[in-house]
Amino acid sequence: MKKIIYIMTLLLVGVSCRNTYVATTSGIAENASIILITERVNHKKYNKGEVLMQVDGETYTIDKVEKEKRAIKAKKLPVKQGKHHVVITLNGEVVIDTQVFIGRNETRKIVLR
């Protein structure tokens, strides 16, 4: 019985002392709002063509569209906070045409379906 209590105590202490805070750095300004694009796991069509993202009239090329679970590797586009008109095209065909509002230090993920 003492062994079980001892093992449970060690497990509890070990789990509670684990560092769960992950610090990341990037080349993006500290207070920047960010738009990033990911795709659903089942789709692979977005890496077979030219993906363009247009934000408020400025066009950006997306070289590789990452899956949702790998969003941390997705291309990040820093933008000013506020309302933005976002259009995403694949091989000239409009896939998404939407308005997004992004607050300060907020990351808005757009998932291609």
C-alpha atoms as a PDB file:
ATOM      1  CA  MET A   1       0.000   0.000   0.000  1.00  0.00           C
ATOM      2  CA  LYS A   2       2.847   2.364   0.868  1.00  0.00           C
ATOM      3  CA  LYS A   3       4.481   1.645  -2.486  1.00  0.00           C
ATOM      4  CA  ILE A   4       1.302   2.608  -4.346  1.00  0.00           C
ATOM      5  CA  ILE A   5       0.982   5.874  -2.412  1.00  0.00           C
ATOM      6  CA  TYR A   6       4.678   6.596  -2.989  1.00  0.00           C
ATOM      7  CA  ILE A   7       4.400   5.934  -6.752  1.00  0.00           C
ATOM      8  CA  MET A   8       1.225   8.028  -7.044  1.00  0.00           C
ATOM      9  CA  THR A   9       2.934  10.891  -5.184  1.00  0.00           C
ATOM     10  CA  LEU A  10       5.951  10.724  -7.506  1.00  0.00           C
ATOM     11  CA  LEU A  11       3.706  10.723 -10.569  1.00  0.00           C
ATOM     12  CA  LEU A  12       1.709  13.677  -9.257  1.00  0.00           C
ATOM     13  CA  VAL A  13       4.840  15.690  -8.475  1.00  0.00           C
ATOM     14  CA  GLY A  14       6.431  14.741 -11.793  1.00  0.00           C
ATOM     15  CA  VAL A  15       3.401  15.790 -13.815  1.00  0.00           C
ATOM     16  CA  SER A  16       2.786  19.002 -11.903  1.00  0.00           C
ATOM     17  CA  CYS A  17       6.411  20.169 -12.243  1.00  0.00           C
ATOM     18  CA  ARG A  18       6.491  19.776 -15.996  1.00  0.00           C
ATOM     19  CA  ASN A  19       7.133  22.986 -17.903  1.00  0.00           C
ATOM     20  CA  THR A  20       4.093  23.594 -20.108  1.00  0.00           C
ATOM     21  CA  TYR A  21       5.001  27.112 -21.216  1.00  0.00           C
ATOM     22  CA  VAL A  22       6.570  27.253 -24.647  1.00  0.00           C
ATOM     23  CA  ALA A  23       8.247  30.471 -25.674  1.00  0.00           C
ATOM     24  CA  THR A  24       8.566  31.153 -29.367  1.00  0.00           C
ATOM     25  CA  THR A  25      10.280  33.873 -31.297  1.00  0.00           C
ATOM     26  CA  SER A  26       9.850  34.982 -34.836  1.00  0.00           C
ATOM     27  CA  GLY A  27      10.816  37.767 -37.149  1.00  0.00           C
ATOM     28  CA  ILE A  28       7.357  39.293 -36.782  1.00  0.00           C
ATOM     29  CA  ALA A  29       6.831  42.438 -34.727  1.00  0.00           C
ATOM     30  CA  GLU A  30       5.763  41.859 -31.149  1.00  0.00           C
ATOM     31  CA  ASN A  31       2.350  43.533 -31.385  1.00  0.00           C
ATOM     32  CA  ALA A  32       1.545  42.365 -34.917  1.00  0.00           C
ATOM     33  CA  SER A  33      -1.686  40.678 -35.842  1.00  0.00           C
ATOM     34  CA  ILE A  34      -1.236  37.648 -38.086  1.00  0.00           C
ATOM     35  CA  ILE A  35      -3.151  35.839 -40.824  1.00  0.00           C
ATOM     36  CA  LEU A  36      -2.134  32.276 -41.649  1.00  0.00           C
ATOM     37  CA  ILE A  37      -3.590  29.716 -44.036  1.00  0.00           C
ATOM     38  CA  THR A  38      -3.921  25.984 -43.411  1.00  0.00           C
ATOM     39  CA  GLU A  39      -5.828  23.163 -45.077  1.00  0.00           C
ATOM     40  CA  ARG A  40      -7.819  20.226 -43.837  1.00  0.00           C
ATOM     41  CA  VAL A  41      -5.921  16.989 -43.370  1.00  0.00           C
ATOM     42  CA  ASN A  42      -7.850  15.146 -46.087  1.00  0.00           C
ATOM     43  CA  HIS A  43      -7.183  17.674 -48.850  1.00  0.00           C
ATOM     44  CA  LYS A  44      -3.990  17.843 -50.875  1.00  0.00           C
ATOM     45  CA  LYS A  45      -5.156  19.895 -53.827  1.00  0.00           C
ATOM     46  CA  TYR A  46      -3.870  23.199 -52.452  1.00  0.00           C
ATOM     47  CA  ASN A  47      -0.214  22.223 -52.875  1.00  0.00           C
ATOM     48  CA  LYS A  48      -0.722  21.207 -56.498  1.00  0.00           C
ATOM     49  CA  GLY A  49      -1.247  24.698 -57.829  1.00  0.00           C
ATOM     50  CA  GLU A  50      -0.554  28.353 -57.334  1.00  0.00           C
ATOM     51  CA  VAL A  51      -2.165  29.665 -54.138  1.00  0.00           C
ATOM     52  CA  LEU A  52      -2.461  33.433 -53.888  1.00  0.00           C
ATOM     53  CA  MET A  53      -3.724  35.389 -50.906  1.00  0.00           C
ATOM     54  CA  GLN A  54      -4.909  38.914 -51.453  1.00  0.00           C
ATOM     55  CA  VAL A  55      -5.294  41.103 -48.369  1.00  0.00           C
ATOM     56  CA  ASP A  56      -6.789  44.564 -48.929  1.00  0.00           C
ATOM     57  CA  GLY A  57      -5.614  44.564 -52.552  1.00  0.00           C
ATOM     58  CA  GLU A  58      -2.035  43.355 -51.933  1.00  0.00           C
ATOM     59  CA  THR A  59      -1.228  39.908 -53.333  1.00  0.00           C
ATOM     60  CA  TYR A  60       0.992  37.343 -51.592  1.00  0.00           C
ATOM     61  CA  THR A  61       2.093  33.960 -52.933  1.00  0.00           C
ATOM     62  CA  ILE A  62       1.720  30.995 -50.590  1.00  0.00           C
ATOM     63  CA  ASP A  63       4.466  28.500 -51.449  1.00  0.00           C
ATOM     64  CA  LYS A  64       3.154  25.657 -49.310  1.00  0.00           C
ATOM     65  CA  VAL A  65      -0.158  25.267 -47.515  1.00  0.00           C
ATOM     66  CA  GLU A  66       0.343  23.381 -44.247  1.00  0.00           C
ATOM     67  CA  LYS A  67      -2.195  21.054 -42.683  1.00  0.00           C
ATOM     68  CA  GLU A  68      -4.180  22.281 -39.648  1.00  0.00           C
ATOM     69  CA  LYS A  69      -2.169  20.229 -37.191  1.00  0.00           C
ATOM     70  CA  ARG A  70       1.055  21.788 -38.541  1.00  0.00           C
ATOM     71  CA  ALA A  71      -0.221  25.350 -38.433  1.00  0.00           C
ATOM     72  CA  ILE A  72       2.860  26.508 -36.556  1.00  0.00           C
ATOM     73  CA  LYS A  73       4.868  25.970 -39.766  1.00  0.00           C
ATOM     74  CA  ALA A  74       2.399  27.836 -41.980  1.00  0.00           C
ATOM     75  CA  LYS A  75       3.405  31.092 -43.655  1.00  0.00           C
ATOM     76  CA  LYS A  76       2.485  33.989 -41.381  1.00  0.00           C
ATOM     77  CA  LEU A  77       1.421  37.301 -42.826  1.00  0.00           C
ATOM     78  CA  PRO A  78       1.648  40.219 -40.378  1.00  0.00           C
ATOM     79  CA  VAL A  79      -1.134  42.779 -40.807  1.00  0.00           C
ATOM     80  CA  LYS A  80      -2.392  45.788 -38.895  1.00  0.00           C
ATOM     81  CA  GLN A  81      -5.259  45.251 -36.513  1.00  0.00           C
ATOM     82  CA  GLY A  82      -8.688  45.937 -37.886  1.00  0.00           C
ATOM     83  CA  LYS A  83     -10.968  44.790 -40.680  1.00  0.00           C
ATOM     84  CA  HIS A  84      -9.418  43.189 -43.774  1.00  0.00           C
ATOM     85  CA  HIS A  85     -10.788  41.860 -47.052  1.00  0.00           C
ATOM     86  CA  VAL A  86      -9.139  38.481 -47.766  1.00  0.00           C
ATOM     87  CA  VAL A  87      -9.372  36.669 -51.100  1.00  0.00           C
ATOM     88  CA  ILE A  88      -7.642  33.317 -51.643  1.00  0.00           C
ATOM     89  CA  THR A  89      -7.326  31.871 -55.120  1.00  0.00           C
ATOM     90  CA  LEU A  90      -6.112  28.513 -56.399  1.00  0.00           C
ATOM     91  CA  ASN A  91      -4.997  28.501 -60.043  1.00  0.00           C
ATOM     92  CA  GLY A  92      -7.035  31.650 -60.698  1.00  0.00           C
ATOM     93  CA  GLU A  93     -10.238  30.286 -59.112  1.00  0.00           C
ATOM     94  CA  VAL A  94     -11.529  32.118 -56.031  1.00  0.00           C
ATOM     95  CA  VAL A  95     -11.650  29.673 -53.123  1.00  0.00           C
ATOM     96  CA  ILE A  96     -12.356  32.116 -50.270  1.00  0.00           C
ATOM     97  CA  ASP A  97     -13.590  35.699 -50.367  1.00  0.00           C
ATOM     98  CA  THR A  98     -14.260  37.011 -46.882  1.00  0.00           C
ATOM     99  CA  GLN A  99     -13.942  39.899 -44.445  1.00  0.00           C
ATOM    100  CA  VAL A 100     -11.994  39.251 -41.240  1.00  0.00           C
ATOM    101  CA  PHE A 101     -11.525  41.383 -38.166  1.00  0.00           C
ATOM    102  CA  ILE A 102      -8.231  40.928 -36.379  1.00  0.00           C
ATOM    103  CA  GLY A 103      -7.493  42.387 -32.976  1.00  0.00           C
ATOM    104  CA  ARG A 104      -4.130  43.361 -31.537  1.00  0.00           C
ATOM    105  CA  ASN A 105      -1.756  40.377 -31.120  1.00  0.00           C
ATOM    106  CA  GLU A 106      -4.396  38.068 -32.584  1.00  0.00           C
ATOM    107  CA  THR A 107      -3.736  35.288 -35.058  1.00  0.00           C
ATOM    108  CA  ARG A 108      -6.496  34.504 -37.532  1.00  0.00           C
ATOM    109  CA  LYS A 109      -6.298  31.050 -39.098  1.00  0.00           C
ATOM    110  CA  ILE A 110      -8.080  30.554 -42.402  1.00  0.00           C
ATOM    111  CA  VAL A 111      -8.742  26.872 -43.147  1.00  0.00           C
ATOM    112  CA  LEU A 112      -9.099  25.857 -46.789  1.00  0.00           C
ATOM    113  CA  ARG A 113     -11.708  23.147 -47.211  1.00  0.00           C
END
